[in-house]
N, C-alpha and C. Protein backbone atom coordinates (compact mmCIF):
# COMPACT_ATOMS: atom_id res chain seq x y z
N MET A 1 -110.35 42.66 88.74
CA MET A 1 -109.48 43.77 88.38
C MET A 1 -108.58 43.31 87.24
N LYS A 2 -108.62 44.03 86.13
CA LYS A 2 -107.77 43.72 84.99
C LYS A 2 -107.15 45.01 84.49
N ASP A 3 -105.83 44.97 84.30
CA ASP A 3 -105.13 46.14 83.79
C ASP A 3 -105.02 46.06 82.27
N LYS A 4 -105.22 47.20 81.61
CA LYS A 4 -105.07 47.28 80.16
C LYS A 4 -103.91 48.22 79.85
N LEU A 5 -102.90 47.70 79.17
CA LEU A 5 -101.74 48.50 78.79
C LEU A 5 -102.15 49.54 77.75
N VAL A 6 -101.88 50.83 78.04
CA VAL A 6 -102.22 51.89 77.08
C VAL A 6 -100.99 52.61 76.56
N TYR A 7 -99.85 52.47 77.24
CA TYR A 7 -98.59 53.03 76.77
C TYR A 7 -97.46 52.13 77.25
N ASN A 8 -96.55 51.79 76.33
CA ASN A 8 -95.47 50.87 76.64
C ASN A 8 -94.13 51.49 76.27
N GLY A 9 -93.60 52.34 77.14
CA GLY A 9 -92.29 52.96 76.96
C GLY A 9 -91.43 52.62 78.16
N TRP A 10 -90.49 53.51 78.50
CA TRP A 10 -89.67 53.30 79.69
C TRP A 10 -90.58 53.17 80.91
N LEU A 11 -91.59 54.02 80.95
CA LEU A 11 -92.68 53.87 81.91
C LEU A 11 -93.81 53.16 81.18
N LYS A 12 -94.61 52.44 81.91
CA LYS A 12 -95.76 51.77 81.31
C LYS A 12 -97.02 52.31 81.98
N LEU A 13 -97.99 52.68 81.16
CA LEU A 13 -99.24 53.23 81.68
C LEU A 13 -100.35 52.22 81.43
N TYR A 14 -101.08 51.91 82.49
CA TYR A 14 -102.20 50.97 82.43
C TYR A 14 -103.47 51.68 82.83
N HIS A 15 -104.57 51.22 82.29
CA HIS A 15 -105.88 51.59 82.80
C HIS A 15 -106.34 50.43 83.66
N ARG A 16 -106.82 50.74 84.84
CA ARG A 16 -107.32 49.74 85.77
C ARG A 16 -108.74 50.15 86.16
N GLU A 17 -109.68 49.24 85.93
CA GLU A 17 -111.06 49.52 86.28
C GLU A 17 -111.41 48.80 87.58
N ILE A 18 -111.94 49.57 88.53
CA ILE A 18 -112.37 49.02 89.81
C ILE A 18 -113.76 49.58 90.10
N ASP A 19 -114.72 48.70 90.22
CA ASP A 19 -116.11 49.10 90.50
C ASP A 19 -116.61 50.18 89.55
N GLY A 20 -116.31 50.05 88.27
CA GLY A 20 -116.80 50.99 87.27
C GLY A 20 -116.00 52.28 87.16
N LYS A 21 -115.00 52.45 87.99
CA LYS A 21 -114.18 53.66 87.92
C LYS A 21 -112.84 53.32 87.28
N LEU A 22 -112.39 54.17 86.36
CA LEU A 22 -111.15 53.94 85.62
C LEU A 22 -110.00 54.71 86.27
N TYR A 23 -108.91 54.00 86.54
CA TYR A 23 -107.71 54.60 87.15
C TYR A 23 -106.53 54.47 86.19
N ASP A 24 -105.66 55.46 86.17
CA ASP A 24 -104.40 55.38 85.44
C ASP A 24 -103.33 54.91 86.42
N ILE A 25 -102.64 53.85 86.06
CA ILE A 25 -101.60 53.27 86.91
C ILE A 25 -100.29 53.28 86.13
N ILE A 26 -99.25 53.79 86.73
CA ILE A 26 -97.93 53.80 86.10
C ILE A 26 -97.10 52.68 86.70
N LYS A 27 -96.49 51.89 85.85
CA LYS A 27 -95.53 50.87 86.28
C LYS A 27 -94.16 51.44 85.96
N ASN A 28 -93.38 51.67 87.00
CA ASN A 28 -92.04 52.17 86.82
C ASN A 28 -91.10 51.43 87.76
N TYR A 29 -89.83 51.72 87.65
CA TYR A 29 -88.83 51.02 88.45
C TYR A 29 -88.81 51.49 89.89
N ASP A 30 -88.48 50.56 90.80
CA ASP A 30 -88.13 50.95 92.15
C ASP A 30 -86.81 51.72 92.06
N ALA A 31 -86.47 52.45 93.10
CA ALA A 31 -85.27 53.29 93.04
C ALA A 31 -84.53 53.28 94.38
N VAL A 32 -83.30 53.77 94.33
CA VAL A 32 -82.43 53.89 95.50
C VAL A 32 -81.89 55.31 95.57
N SER A 33 -81.54 55.74 96.78
CA SER A 33 -80.96 57.07 96.96
C SER A 33 -80.13 57.06 98.24
N ALA A 34 -79.24 58.06 98.33
CA ALA A 34 -78.37 58.11 99.52
C ALA A 34 -78.09 59.55 99.93
N ALA A 35 -78.26 59.79 101.22
CA ALA A 35 -77.79 61.03 101.84
C ALA A 35 -76.36 60.75 102.27
N ILE A 36 -75.40 61.36 101.58
CA ILE A 36 -73.98 61.14 101.86
C ILE A 36 -73.46 62.36 102.59
N ILE A 37 -72.96 62.13 103.81
CA ILE A 37 -72.51 63.21 104.69
C ILE A 37 -71.01 63.09 104.88
N ASN A 38 -70.32 64.23 104.93
CA ASN A 38 -68.88 64.19 105.20
C ASN A 38 -68.57 64.64 106.64
N GLU A 39 -67.29 64.67 106.96
CA GLU A 39 -66.86 64.98 108.32
C GLU A 39 -67.11 66.44 108.72
N PHE A 40 -67.46 67.30 107.76
CA PHE A 40 -67.76 68.71 108.05
C PHE A 40 -69.27 68.97 108.09
N ASN A 41 -70.06 67.90 108.18
CA ASN A 41 -71.51 67.98 108.22
C ASN A 41 -72.07 68.63 106.96
N GLU A 42 -71.48 68.27 105.82
CA GLU A 42 -71.97 68.71 104.52
C GLU A 42 -72.63 67.50 103.84
N ILE A 43 -73.60 67.79 103.00
CA ILE A 43 -74.30 66.73 102.27
C ILE A 43 -73.91 66.80 100.79
N LEU A 44 -73.80 65.65 100.18
CA LEU A 44 -73.44 65.57 98.76
C LEU A 44 -74.70 65.68 97.91
N LEU A 45 -74.69 66.63 96.97
CA LEU A 45 -75.82 66.83 96.08
C LEU A 45 -75.37 66.76 94.63
N VAL A 46 -76.28 66.35 93.77
CA VAL A 46 -76.03 66.34 92.34
C VAL A 46 -76.98 67.34 91.68
N LYS A 47 -76.47 68.02 90.67
CA LYS A 47 -77.28 68.96 89.89
C LYS A 47 -77.62 68.26 88.58
N GLN A 48 -78.91 68.27 88.25
CA GLN A 48 -79.32 67.64 87.00
C GLN A 48 -80.58 68.30 86.44
N PHE A 49 -80.72 68.20 85.13
CA PHE A 49 -81.89 68.76 84.46
C PHE A 49 -83.04 67.76 84.53
N ARG A 50 -84.22 68.24 84.92
CA ARG A 50 -85.41 67.41 84.99
C ARG A 50 -86.43 67.92 83.97
N PRO A 51 -86.59 67.18 82.85
CA PRO A 51 -87.50 67.63 81.78
C PRO A 51 -88.94 67.82 82.23
N SER A 52 -89.40 67.07 83.23
CA SER A 52 -90.80 67.19 83.67
C SER A 52 -91.11 68.57 84.23
N ILE A 53 -90.12 69.23 84.81
CA ILE A 53 -90.33 70.58 85.35
C ILE A 53 -89.52 71.63 84.60
N MET A 54 -88.72 71.19 83.61
CA MET A 54 -87.90 72.09 82.79
C MET A 54 -86.96 72.96 83.63
N GLU A 55 -86.36 72.33 84.64
CA GLU A 55 -85.42 73.04 85.52
C GLU A 55 -84.29 72.13 85.93
N TYR A 56 -83.19 72.75 86.36
CA TYR A 56 -82.10 72.02 87.01
C TYR A 56 -82.46 71.89 88.48
N THR A 57 -82.18 70.75 89.04
CA THR A 57 -82.49 70.50 90.44
C THR A 57 -81.23 70.13 91.21
N LEU A 58 -81.30 70.26 92.53
CA LEU A 58 -80.27 69.76 93.43
C LEU A 58 -80.90 68.63 94.22
N GLU A 59 -80.29 67.44 94.13
CA GLU A 59 -80.85 66.25 94.76
C GLU A 59 -79.73 65.40 95.34
N ILE A 60 -80.10 64.49 96.23
CA ILE A 60 -79.14 63.49 96.66
C ILE A 60 -78.98 62.49 95.52
N PRO A 61 -77.84 61.81 95.43
CA PRO A 61 -77.65 60.81 94.37
C PRO A 61 -78.70 59.71 94.45
N ALA A 62 -79.16 59.27 93.27
CA ALA A 62 -80.22 58.26 93.22
C ALA A 62 -80.22 57.59 91.85
N GLY A 63 -80.96 56.50 91.77
CA GLY A 63 -81.10 55.84 90.49
C GLY A 63 -82.11 54.71 90.56
N CYS A 64 -82.42 54.17 89.40
CA CYS A 64 -83.43 53.12 89.28
C CYS A 64 -82.83 51.73 89.39
N LEU A 65 -83.62 50.85 89.96
CA LEU A 65 -83.29 49.42 90.01
C LEU A 65 -83.70 48.82 88.67
N ASP A 66 -82.84 49.01 87.68
CA ASP A 66 -83.19 48.57 86.32
C ASP A 66 -82.25 47.49 85.78
N VAL A 67 -81.43 46.90 86.66
CA VAL A 67 -80.57 45.79 86.28
C VAL A 67 -81.12 44.53 86.95
N SER A 68 -81.54 43.59 86.16
CA SER A 68 -82.16 42.38 86.68
C SER A 68 -81.25 41.65 87.67
N GLY A 69 -81.81 41.31 88.84
CA GLY A 69 -81.09 40.55 89.85
C GLY A 69 -80.16 41.36 90.73
N GLU A 70 -80.03 42.64 90.48
CA GLU A 70 -79.13 43.49 91.27
C GLU A 70 -79.78 43.84 92.61
N SER A 71 -79.03 43.73 93.69
CA SER A 71 -79.56 44.09 95.01
C SER A 71 -79.69 45.61 95.11
N ILE A 72 -80.50 46.08 96.06
CA ILE A 72 -80.66 47.54 96.22
C ILE A 72 -79.32 48.19 96.60
N GLU A 73 -78.53 47.51 97.42
CA GLU A 73 -77.24 48.07 97.83
C GLU A 73 -76.27 48.14 96.64
N ASP A 74 -76.20 47.07 95.85
CA ASP A 74 -75.32 47.08 94.67
C ASP A 74 -75.76 48.14 93.67
N CYS A 75 -77.07 48.29 93.50
CA CYS A 75 -77.59 49.32 92.61
C CYS A 75 -77.18 50.71 93.11
N LEU A 76 -77.30 50.94 94.40
CA LEU A 76 -76.95 52.24 94.97
C LEU A 76 -75.47 52.53 94.77
N ILE A 77 -74.62 51.55 95.04
CA ILE A 77 -73.18 51.73 94.85
C ILE A 77 -72.87 52.07 93.39
N ARG A 78 -73.52 51.37 92.46
CA ARG A 78 -73.33 51.63 91.03
C ARG A 78 -73.81 53.03 90.66
N GLU A 79 -74.98 53.40 91.13
CA GLU A 79 -75.54 54.72 90.79
C GLU A 79 -74.69 55.86 91.37
N ILE A 80 -74.20 55.70 92.59
CA ILE A 80 -73.34 56.73 93.18
C ILE A 80 -72.07 56.89 92.35
N LYS A 81 -71.50 55.79 91.93
CA LYS A 81 -70.29 55.83 91.09
C LYS A 81 -70.59 56.54 89.77
N GLU A 82 -71.72 56.19 89.13
CA GLU A 82 -72.09 56.80 87.86
C GLU A 82 -72.34 58.30 87.99
N GLU A 83 -73.04 58.70 89.04
CA GLU A 83 -73.43 60.10 89.17
C GLU A 83 -72.37 61.00 89.78
N THR A 84 -71.48 60.43 90.60
CA THR A 84 -70.53 61.27 91.34
C THR A 84 -69.07 60.88 91.16
N THR A 85 -68.79 59.74 90.59
CA THR A 85 -67.46 59.11 90.46
C THR A 85 -66.94 58.55 91.78
N LEU A 86 -67.72 58.64 92.84
CA LEU A 86 -67.28 58.16 94.15
C LEU A 86 -67.49 56.65 94.30
N ALA A 87 -66.54 56.01 94.93
CA ALA A 87 -66.65 54.58 95.24
C ALA A 87 -67.06 54.45 96.70
N ILE A 88 -68.25 53.92 96.93
CA ILE A 88 -68.78 53.73 98.28
C ILE A 88 -68.76 52.23 98.57
N SER A 89 -68.38 51.89 99.79
CA SER A 89 -68.38 50.47 100.16
C SER A 89 -69.73 50.08 100.76
N MET A 90 -70.05 48.81 100.66
CA MET A 90 -71.29 48.28 101.22
C MET A 90 -71.35 48.55 102.73
N ASP A 91 -70.21 48.48 103.41
CA ASP A 91 -70.15 48.69 104.86
C ASP A 91 -70.53 50.11 105.27
N SER A 92 -70.38 51.07 104.36
CA SER A 92 -70.66 52.46 104.72
C SER A 92 -72.13 52.83 104.56
N LEU A 93 -72.94 51.90 104.03
CA LEU A 93 -74.36 52.19 103.81
C LEU A 93 -75.20 51.83 105.02
N GLU A 94 -76.09 52.72 105.39
CA GLU A 94 -77.04 52.49 106.48
C GLU A 94 -78.45 52.74 105.94
N LYS A 95 -79.29 51.73 105.99
CA LYS A 95 -80.66 51.87 105.48
C LYS A 95 -81.45 52.80 106.40
N ILE A 96 -82.14 53.76 105.80
CA ILE A 96 -82.99 54.67 106.56
C ILE A 96 -84.44 54.21 106.48
N VAL A 97 -84.96 54.13 105.25
CA VAL A 97 -86.37 53.79 105.08
C VAL A 97 -86.64 53.40 103.62
N SER A 98 -87.67 52.62 103.43
CA SER A 98 -88.22 52.38 102.09
C SER A 98 -89.65 52.92 102.12
N TYR A 99 -90.02 53.66 101.09
CA TYR A 99 -91.35 54.25 101.06
C TYR A 99 -91.87 54.33 99.62
N LYS A 100 -93.15 54.59 99.49
CA LYS A 100 -93.80 54.68 98.18
C LYS A 100 -94.09 56.16 97.89
N PRO A 101 -93.24 56.81 97.08
CA PRO A 101 -93.38 58.25 96.88
C PRO A 101 -94.55 58.68 95.99
N MET A 102 -95.14 57.76 95.23
CA MET A 102 -96.20 58.14 94.29
C MET A 102 -97.37 57.17 94.37
N MET A 103 -97.76 56.73 95.55
CA MET A 103 -98.71 55.64 95.65
C MET A 103 -100.12 55.97 95.18
N GLY A 104 -100.38 57.20 94.83
CA GLY A 104 -101.67 57.54 94.22
C GLY A 104 -101.82 56.95 92.83
N PHE A 105 -100.70 56.65 92.17
CA PHE A 105 -100.77 56.11 90.81
C PHE A 105 -99.65 55.13 90.47
N SER A 106 -98.80 54.77 91.44
CA SER A 106 -97.71 53.83 91.19
C SER A 106 -97.39 53.07 92.48
N ASP A 107 -96.95 51.82 92.33
CA ASP A 107 -96.55 51.06 93.52
C ASP A 107 -95.02 51.00 93.67
N SER A 108 -94.30 51.87 92.96
CA SER A 108 -92.83 51.86 93.04
C SER A 108 -92.36 52.24 94.44
N ILE A 109 -91.17 51.73 94.78
CA ILE A 109 -90.58 51.94 96.11
C ILE A 109 -89.28 52.72 95.97
N MET A 110 -89.07 53.68 96.86
CA MET A 110 -87.80 54.39 96.98
C MET A 110 -87.12 53.89 98.24
N HIS A 111 -85.89 53.41 98.10
CA HIS A 111 -85.08 52.95 99.23
C HIS A 111 -84.07 54.04 99.54
N LEU A 112 -84.15 54.60 100.74
CA LEU A 112 -83.29 55.72 101.15
C LEU A 112 -82.23 55.22 102.13
N PHE A 113 -80.98 55.55 101.85
CA PHE A 113 -79.84 55.18 102.68
C PHE A 113 -79.10 56.41 103.15
N LYS A 114 -78.23 56.20 104.12
CA LYS A 114 -77.29 57.22 104.58
C LYS A 114 -75.89 56.62 104.47
N ALA A 115 -74.92 57.46 104.14
CA ALA A 115 -73.53 57.02 104.09
C ALA A 115 -72.64 58.16 104.54
N SER A 116 -71.49 57.81 105.09
CA SER A 116 -70.50 58.81 105.49
C SER A 116 -69.28 58.65 104.60
N LEU A 117 -68.68 59.77 104.26
CA LEU A 117 -67.54 59.76 103.36
C LEU A 117 -66.68 60.98 103.65
N LYS A 118 -65.40 60.88 103.46
CA LYS A 118 -64.51 62.02 103.65
C LYS A 118 -64.67 63.00 102.49
N ARG A 119 -64.61 64.28 102.84
CA ARG A 119 -64.77 65.33 101.82
C ARG A 119 -63.76 65.19 100.70
N SER A 120 -62.57 64.79 101.04
CA SER A 120 -61.49 64.68 100.05
C SER A 120 -61.72 63.56 99.04
N SER A 121 -62.71 62.71 99.28
CA SER A 121 -63.00 61.62 98.34
C SER A 121 -63.49 62.14 97.00
N LEU A 122 -64.11 63.32 97.00
CA LEU A 122 -64.61 63.92 95.77
C LEU A 122 -63.51 64.76 95.18
N LYS A 123 -62.90 64.29 94.10
CA LYS A 123 -61.76 64.96 93.48
C LYS A 123 -62.19 66.04 92.50
N ASN A 124 -63.34 65.86 91.85
CA ASN A 124 -63.77 66.75 90.80
C ASN A 124 -65.28 66.90 90.89
N ASN A 125 -65.79 68.12 90.71
CA ASN A 125 -67.23 68.29 90.82
C ASN A 125 -67.95 68.19 89.48
N ILE A 126 -67.20 67.93 88.41
CA ILE A 126 -67.80 67.73 87.09
C ILE A 126 -67.72 66.24 86.76
N VAL A 127 -68.83 65.66 86.34
CA VAL A 127 -68.86 64.23 86.02
C VAL A 127 -69.28 64.04 84.57
N ASP A 128 -68.98 62.88 84.05
CA ASP A 128 -69.36 62.52 82.68
C ASP A 128 -70.56 61.59 82.76
N ASP A 129 -71.73 62.17 83.04
CA ASP A 129 -72.97 61.42 83.21
C ASP A 129 -74.02 62.07 82.32
N THR A 130 -74.90 61.27 81.77
CA THR A 130 -75.92 61.81 80.87
C THR A 130 -76.92 62.71 81.59
N ASP A 131 -77.12 62.52 82.88
CA ASP A 131 -78.10 63.31 83.63
C ASP A 131 -77.47 64.36 84.54
N VAL A 132 -76.43 63.99 85.24
CA VAL A 132 -75.82 64.87 86.25
C VAL A 132 -74.80 65.79 85.59
N THR A 133 -74.90 67.10 85.90
CA THR A 133 -73.97 68.07 85.34
C THR A 133 -72.94 68.55 86.36
N GLU A 134 -73.24 68.37 87.64
CA GLU A 134 -72.32 68.85 88.68
C GLU A 134 -72.58 68.10 89.98
N VAL A 135 -71.53 67.94 90.78
CA VAL A 135 -71.61 67.31 92.09
C VAL A 135 -71.03 68.30 93.09
N MET A 136 -71.66 68.45 94.24
CA MET A 136 -71.17 69.44 95.21
C MET A 136 -71.46 69.01 96.65
N TRP A 137 -70.56 69.42 97.53
CA TRP A 137 -70.82 69.31 98.97
C TRP A 137 -71.51 70.60 99.39
N MET A 138 -72.58 70.49 100.14
CA MET A 138 -73.30 71.67 100.61
C MET A 138 -73.39 71.64 102.13
N PRO A 139 -72.97 72.72 102.80
CA PRO A 139 -73.11 72.78 104.27
C PRO A 139 -74.57 72.59 104.67
N PHE A 140 -74.78 71.94 105.81
CA PHE A 140 -76.14 71.61 106.23
C PHE A 140 -77.02 72.84 106.40
N ASN A 141 -76.47 73.94 106.91
CA ASN A 141 -77.30 75.14 107.11
C ASN A 141 -77.74 75.73 105.76
N GLU A 142 -76.90 75.65 104.73
CA GLU A 142 -77.29 76.11 103.39
C GLU A 142 -78.33 75.15 102.77
N PHE A 143 -78.12 73.86 102.97
CA PHE A 143 -79.05 72.83 102.52
C PHE A 143 -80.44 73.08 103.12
N GLU A 144 -80.47 73.31 104.43
CA GLU A 144 -81.72 73.60 105.13
C GLU A 144 -82.39 74.85 104.57
N LYS A 145 -81.61 75.89 104.32
CA LYS A 145 -82.14 77.16 103.79
C LYS A 145 -82.76 76.94 102.40
N LYS A 146 -82.08 76.20 101.54
CA LYS A 146 -82.57 75.96 100.18
C LYS A 146 -83.86 75.13 100.18
N ILE A 147 -84.02 74.25 101.16
CA ILE A 147 -85.27 73.51 101.28
C ILE A 147 -86.39 74.46 101.72
N LYS A 148 -86.13 75.27 102.72
CA LYS A 148 -87.15 76.21 103.21
C LYS A 148 -87.56 77.22 102.15
N GLU A 149 -86.62 77.59 101.27
CA GLU A 149 -86.91 78.55 100.19
C GLU A 149 -87.58 77.89 98.99
N GLY A 150 -87.69 76.56 98.99
CA GLY A 150 -88.30 75.85 97.88
C GLY A 150 -87.36 75.63 96.71
N ILE A 151 -86.08 75.95 96.87
CA ILE A 151 -85.09 75.72 95.81
C ILE A 151 -84.82 74.22 95.69
N ILE A 152 -84.71 73.55 96.82
CA ILE A 152 -84.63 72.09 96.83
C ILE A 152 -86.04 71.60 97.14
N CYS A 153 -86.65 70.88 96.18
CA CYS A 153 -88.04 70.47 96.35
C CYS A 153 -88.27 68.99 96.05
N ASP A 154 -87.20 68.24 95.91
CA ASP A 154 -87.28 66.81 95.63
C ASP A 154 -87.62 66.04 96.91
N SER A 155 -88.58 65.12 96.84
CA SER A 155 -89.07 64.45 98.05
C SER A 155 -88.02 63.60 98.75
N LYS A 156 -87.22 62.84 98.02
CA LYS A 156 -86.21 61.99 98.68
C LYS A 156 -85.15 62.85 99.36
N THR A 157 -84.83 63.98 98.75
CA THR A 157 -83.83 64.89 99.31
C THR A 157 -84.36 65.56 100.56
N ILE A 158 -85.61 65.99 100.52
CA ILE A 158 -86.23 66.60 101.71
C ILE A 158 -86.38 65.57 102.82
N MET A 159 -86.76 64.34 102.47
CA MET A 159 -86.88 63.30 103.49
C MET A 159 -85.53 63.04 104.15
N SER A 160 -84.45 63.06 103.38
CA SER A 160 -83.11 62.85 103.96
C SER A 160 -82.77 63.99 104.92
N TYR A 161 -83.18 65.21 104.59
CA TYR A 161 -82.97 66.36 105.48
C TYR A 161 -83.62 66.13 106.84
N TYR A 162 -84.89 65.72 106.83
CA TYR A 162 -85.59 65.52 108.09
C TYR A 162 -84.99 64.36 108.89
N TYR A 163 -84.53 63.35 108.20
CA TYR A 163 -83.86 62.23 108.91
C TYR A 163 -82.57 62.73 109.58
N ILE A 164 -81.74 63.43 108.83
CA ILE A 164 -80.47 63.94 109.37
C ILE A 164 -80.74 64.89 110.52
N LYS A 165 -81.69 65.78 110.36
CA LYS A 165 -82.02 66.76 111.40
C LYS A 165 -82.51 66.06 112.68
N ALA A 166 -83.32 65.02 112.52
CA ALA A 166 -83.85 64.30 113.69
C ALA A 166 -82.76 63.52 114.42
N CYS A 167 -81.74 63.09 113.69
CA CYS A 167 -80.70 62.26 114.29
C CYS A 167 -79.47 63.06 114.73
N SER A 168 -79.46 64.39 114.52
CA SER A 168 -78.29 65.15 114.94
C SER A 168 -78.41 65.68 116.34
């Protein structure tokens, strides 16, 4: 098995030949995400534009492990701060699961965490981030409704919903 690099950008695309069949393999970063819940059973969501689908989405905060040597927890704390302005402590993080969201063409891993935070910690719902345009607390029943309606369709966000629902 030998991979041939065919595109070298932020993502890297390789052709991999196995038994005469050619596969496209994407090399991308592992990532972290967090379902952040407050004392009123609301979940923290970020609104951001996703060029691949040309729409704004509602998702749990997340980001790529793109800093060499950074632990998944430190990356998550950094990404939450960047996307929401919130400072989360390492002690408040609880690992839920690590999974491969795109294993048909990538071996990247998504690490999903849960954290609890007081609602008052979020002072402003507008952030100065290149991707995120708004941060909001959403009641769990509205969150559930938006998933069922297909308005929230992001896999890590839906997985966090099922985890929270199973543990409540």
